[in-house]
N, C-alpha and C. Protein backbone atom coordinates (compact mmCIF):
# COMPACT_ATOMS: atom_id res chain seq x y z
N MET A 1 2.61 26.92 -16.51
CA MET A 1 1.57 25.97 -16.15
C MET A 1 0.21 26.53 -16.52
N LYS A 2 -0.65 25.64 -16.93
CA LYS A 2 -2.01 26.03 -17.27
C LYS A 2 -2.80 26.26 -15.98
N ALA A 3 -3.50 27.36 -15.91
CA ALA A 3 -4.24 27.72 -14.70
C ALA A 3 -5.54 26.92 -14.59
N GLY A 4 -5.90 26.56 -13.35
CA GLY A 4 -7.18 25.92 -13.08
C GLY A 4 -7.26 24.42 -13.30
N ILE A 5 -6.15 23.75 -13.62
CA ILE A 5 -6.23 22.30 -13.85
C ILE A 5 -5.52 21.49 -12.77
N HIS A 6 -4.81 22.15 -11.87
CA HIS A 6 -4.06 21.44 -10.85
C HIS A 6 -4.83 21.43 -9.53
N PRO A 7 -4.75 20.31 -8.78
CA PRO A 7 -5.49 20.22 -7.52
C PRO A 7 -4.99 21.24 -6.49
N GLU A 8 -5.90 21.67 -5.65
CA GLU A 8 -5.59 22.66 -4.61
C GLU A 8 -5.46 22.02 -3.23
N ASN A 9 -5.85 20.76 -3.09
CA ASN A 9 -5.95 20.15 -1.76
C ASN A 9 -4.73 19.28 -1.39
N TYR A 10 -3.52 19.74 -1.69
CA TYR A 10 -2.33 19.02 -1.24
C TYR A 10 -2.20 19.13 0.26
N ARG A 11 -1.87 18.01 0.91
CA ARG A 11 -1.65 17.98 2.35
C ARG A 11 -0.69 16.85 2.66
N LEU A 12 -0.12 16.83 3.87
CA LEU A 12 0.77 15.75 4.26
C LEU A 12 -0.03 14.49 4.48
N VAL A 13 0.46 13.38 3.94
CA VAL A 13 -0.19 12.08 4.05
C VAL A 13 0.86 11.07 4.50
N ALA A 14 0.49 10.15 5.40
CA ALA A 14 1.38 9.08 5.84
C ALA A 14 1.19 7.87 4.92
N PHE A 15 2.29 7.39 4.36
CA PHE A 15 2.28 6.17 3.56
C PHE A 15 2.98 5.09 4.37
N LYS A 16 2.32 3.93 4.55
CA LYS A 16 2.86 2.85 5.39
C LYS A 16 3.09 1.62 4.54
N ASP A 17 4.34 1.15 4.52
CA ASP A 17 4.70 -0.08 3.83
C ASP A 17 4.31 -1.24 4.74
N MET A 18 3.34 -2.04 4.31
CA MET A 18 2.82 -3.11 5.16
C MET A 18 3.77 -4.30 5.27
N SER A 19 4.76 -4.41 4.38
CA SER A 19 5.68 -5.54 4.45
C SER A 19 6.77 -5.34 5.51
N ASN A 20 7.10 -4.09 5.84
CA ASN A 20 8.13 -3.86 6.85
C ASN A 20 7.76 -2.77 7.86
N GLU A 21 6.52 -2.29 7.81
CA GLU A 21 5.98 -1.32 8.76
C GLU A 21 6.66 0.06 8.67
N ASP A 22 7.40 0.35 7.62
CA ASP A 22 8.02 1.65 7.45
C ASP A 22 6.96 2.69 7.11
N VAL A 23 7.07 3.88 7.70
CA VAL A 23 6.12 4.97 7.47
C VAL A 23 6.89 6.19 6.98
N PHE A 24 6.39 6.83 5.93
CA PHE A 24 6.98 8.08 5.49
C PHE A 24 5.88 9.06 5.14
N LEU A 25 6.20 10.34 5.29
CA LEU A 25 5.24 11.41 5.04
C LEU A 25 5.61 12.13 3.75
N THR A 26 4.60 12.46 2.97
CA THR A 26 4.78 13.25 1.76
C THR A 26 3.47 13.94 1.43
N LYS A 27 3.53 14.95 0.60
CA LYS A 27 2.31 15.66 0.21
C LYS A 27 1.57 14.87 -0.86
N SER A 28 0.25 14.85 -0.76
CA SER A 28 -0.58 14.12 -1.71
C SER A 28 -1.99 14.68 -1.69
N THR A 29 -2.76 14.34 -2.72
CA THR A 29 -4.17 14.71 -2.78
C THR A 29 -5.07 13.49 -2.65
N VAL A 30 -4.48 12.32 -2.43
CA VAL A 30 -5.23 11.06 -2.37
C VAL A 30 -6.26 11.09 -1.23
N ASN A 31 -7.42 10.48 -1.47
CA ASN A 31 -8.49 10.42 -0.46
C ASN A 31 -8.41 9.11 0.30
N THR A 32 -8.61 9.17 1.60
CA THR A 32 -8.63 7.99 2.45
C THR A 32 -9.44 8.28 3.70
N LYS A 33 -9.98 7.22 4.30
CA LYS A 33 -10.74 7.36 5.54
C LYS A 33 -9.92 6.97 6.75
N GLU A 34 -8.78 6.29 6.53
CA GLU A 34 -7.94 5.84 7.63
C GLU A 34 -6.96 6.94 8.02
N THR A 35 -6.55 6.92 9.29
CA THR A 35 -5.57 7.87 9.78
C THR A 35 -4.51 7.14 10.58
N LEU A 36 -3.37 7.80 10.76
CA LEU A 36 -2.26 7.25 11.54
C LEU A 36 -1.61 8.39 12.30
N GLU A 37 -1.27 8.15 13.56
CA GLU A 37 -0.60 9.17 14.36
C GLU A 37 0.91 8.98 14.24
N VAL A 38 1.59 10.03 13.81
CA VAL A 38 3.05 10.02 13.68
C VAL A 38 3.60 11.17 14.49
N GLU A 39 4.39 10.86 15.51
CA GLU A 39 5.00 11.86 16.40
C GLU A 39 3.96 12.82 16.97
N GLY A 40 2.82 12.28 17.38
CA GLY A 40 1.78 13.07 18.03
C GLY A 40 0.85 13.83 17.10
N VAL A 41 1.04 13.70 15.79
CA VAL A 41 0.19 14.38 14.82
C VAL A 41 -0.53 13.33 13.99
N GLU A 42 -1.83 13.53 13.77
CA GLU A 42 -2.63 12.57 13.01
C GLU A 42 -2.64 12.94 11.53
N TYR A 43 -2.33 11.95 10.67
CA TYR A 43 -2.29 12.16 9.22
C TYR A 43 -3.20 11.15 8.53
N PRO A 44 -3.72 11.47 7.34
CA PRO A 44 -4.42 10.47 6.54
C PRO A 44 -3.43 9.35 6.21
N LEU A 45 -3.92 8.11 6.13
CA LEU A 45 -3.05 6.94 5.93
C LEU A 45 -3.34 6.24 4.62
N ILE A 46 -2.28 5.93 3.88
CA ILE A 46 -2.35 5.09 2.69
C ILE A 46 -1.45 3.90 2.93
N LYS A 47 -1.98 2.68 2.75
CA LYS A 47 -1.21 1.46 2.96
C LYS A 47 -0.64 0.99 1.62
N LEU A 48 0.65 0.66 1.64
CA LEU A 48 1.35 0.17 0.46
C LEU A 48 1.81 -1.26 0.69
N GLU A 49 1.84 -2.06 -0.37
CA GLU A 49 2.38 -3.41 -0.24
C GLU A 49 3.88 -3.42 -0.39
N ILE A 50 4.42 -2.46 -1.12
CA ILE A 50 5.86 -2.40 -1.34
C ILE A 50 6.26 -0.93 -1.53
N SER A 51 7.43 -0.57 -1.05
CA SER A 51 7.92 0.80 -1.20
C SER A 51 9.43 0.75 -1.41
N ARG A 52 10.05 1.90 -1.38
CA ARG A 52 11.50 1.96 -1.59
C ARG A 52 12.27 1.25 -0.48
N THR A 53 11.67 1.09 0.70
CA THR A 53 12.37 0.43 1.79
C THR A 53 12.24 -1.08 1.78
N SER A 54 11.38 -1.62 0.90
CA SER A 54 11.23 -3.07 0.84
C SER A 54 11.40 -3.64 -0.57
N HIS A 55 11.50 -2.80 -1.58
CA HIS A 55 11.63 -3.28 -2.96
C HIS A 55 13.05 -3.79 -3.20
N PRO A 56 13.19 -4.97 -3.80
CA PRO A 56 14.52 -5.56 -4.01
C PRO A 56 15.47 -4.67 -4.82
N PHE A 57 14.95 -3.88 -5.73
CA PHE A 57 15.82 -3.01 -6.52
C PHE A 57 16.54 -2.01 -5.63
N TYR A 58 15.85 -1.46 -4.64
CA TYR A 58 16.44 -0.45 -3.76
C TYR A 58 17.21 -1.06 -2.59
N THR A 59 16.78 -2.23 -2.12
CA THR A 59 17.43 -2.83 -0.96
C THR A 59 18.61 -3.70 -1.34
N GLY A 60 18.64 -4.18 -2.59
CA GLY A 60 19.71 -5.07 -3.02
C GLY A 60 19.52 -6.50 -2.56
N LYS A 61 18.39 -6.80 -1.95
CA LYS A 61 18.09 -8.15 -1.46
C LYS A 61 16.97 -8.73 -2.29
N THR A 62 17.07 -10.02 -2.59
CA THR A 62 15.97 -10.66 -3.30
C THR A 62 14.94 -11.12 -2.29
N LYS A 63 13.71 -11.15 -2.73
CA LYS A 63 12.61 -11.53 -1.85
C LYS A 63 11.86 -12.68 -2.50
N LEU A 64 11.71 -13.77 -1.79
CA LEU A 64 11.01 -14.93 -2.31
C LEU A 64 9.51 -14.69 -2.21
N VAL A 65 8.83 -14.78 -3.33
CA VAL A 65 7.39 -14.61 -3.36
C VAL A 65 6.75 -15.98 -3.46
N ASP A 66 5.91 -16.30 -2.53
CA ASP A 66 5.27 -17.61 -2.46
C ASP A 66 4.03 -17.63 -3.35
N THR A 67 4.23 -17.74 -4.66
CA THR A 67 3.08 -17.72 -5.56
C THR A 67 2.29 -19.02 -5.47
N ALA A 68 2.97 -20.13 -5.24
CA ALA A 68 2.26 -21.41 -5.12
C ALA A 68 1.33 -21.38 -3.91
N GLY A 69 1.80 -20.83 -2.82
CA GLY A 69 0.97 -20.72 -1.63
C GLY A 69 -0.23 -19.83 -1.85
N ARG A 70 -0.07 -18.77 -2.61
CA ARG A 70 -1.17 -17.87 -2.90
C ARG A 70 -2.22 -18.56 -3.76
N ILE A 71 -1.76 -19.33 -4.73
CA ILE A 71 -2.69 -20.04 -5.60
C ILE A 71 -3.48 -21.08 -4.82
N ASP A 72 -2.79 -21.82 -3.96
CA ASP A 72 -3.47 -22.80 -3.12
C ASP A 72 -4.49 -22.16 -2.21
N LYS A 73 -4.15 -21.03 -1.62
CA LYS A 73 -5.10 -20.32 -0.75
C LYS A 73 -6.33 -19.89 -1.54
N PHE A 74 -6.10 -19.38 -2.76
CA PHE A 74 -7.21 -18.96 -3.60
C PHE A 74 -8.12 -20.14 -3.94
N LYS A 75 -7.53 -21.26 -4.34
CA LYS A 75 -8.33 -22.44 -4.70
C LYS A 75 -9.12 -22.95 -3.50
N ASN A 76 -8.51 -22.97 -2.34
CA ASN A 76 -9.21 -23.43 -1.14
C ASN A 76 -10.35 -22.49 -0.77
N LYS A 77 -10.11 -21.20 -0.90
CA LYS A 77 -11.11 -20.21 -0.53
C LYS A 77 -12.33 -20.28 -1.42
N TYR A 78 -12.13 -20.48 -2.73
CA TYR A 78 -13.23 -20.44 -3.68
C TYR A 78 -13.70 -21.81 -4.15
N SER A 79 -13.20 -22.87 -3.54
CA SER A 79 -13.62 -24.21 -3.94
C SER A 79 -15.09 -24.46 -3.60
N LYS A 80 -15.63 -23.78 -2.60
CA LYS A 80 -17.03 -23.97 -2.23
C LYS A 80 -17.98 -23.39 -3.27
N PHE A 81 -17.48 -22.52 -4.15
CA PHE A 81 -18.30 -21.93 -5.21
C PHE A 81 -18.20 -22.69 -6.53
N LYS A 82 -17.42 -23.76 -6.54
CA LYS A 82 -17.18 -24.52 -7.76
C LYS A 82 -18.48 -25.16 -8.24
N LYS A 83 -18.72 -25.03 -9.55
CA LYS A 83 -19.92 -25.65 -10.15
C LYS A 83 -19.72 -27.14 -10.27
N GLU A 84 -20.71 -27.88 -9.87
CA GLU A 84 -20.64 -29.33 -9.97
C GLU A 84 -21.28 -29.76 -11.28
N GLU A 85 -20.62 -30.63 -12.00
CA GLU A 85 -21.16 -31.07 -13.30
C GLU A 85 -21.83 -32.40 -13.20
């Protein structure tokens, strides 16, 4: 390994899957301001939308994604900014 190019600040970080509330700990250098207490110890927190515990490839279950609902929400939210001709 080349000396002086690898980060020195590895520490345990809690990663939380927001779709199923699963939490796992691993070492990382990622920066965050949020924290989470796991078994009485406070760790920096990174929120994930999908992880190995919720991804269809790993779970073997398909997940319906409501893209039409997302588009409608977006249009409704930003319709007030629409330019009038």
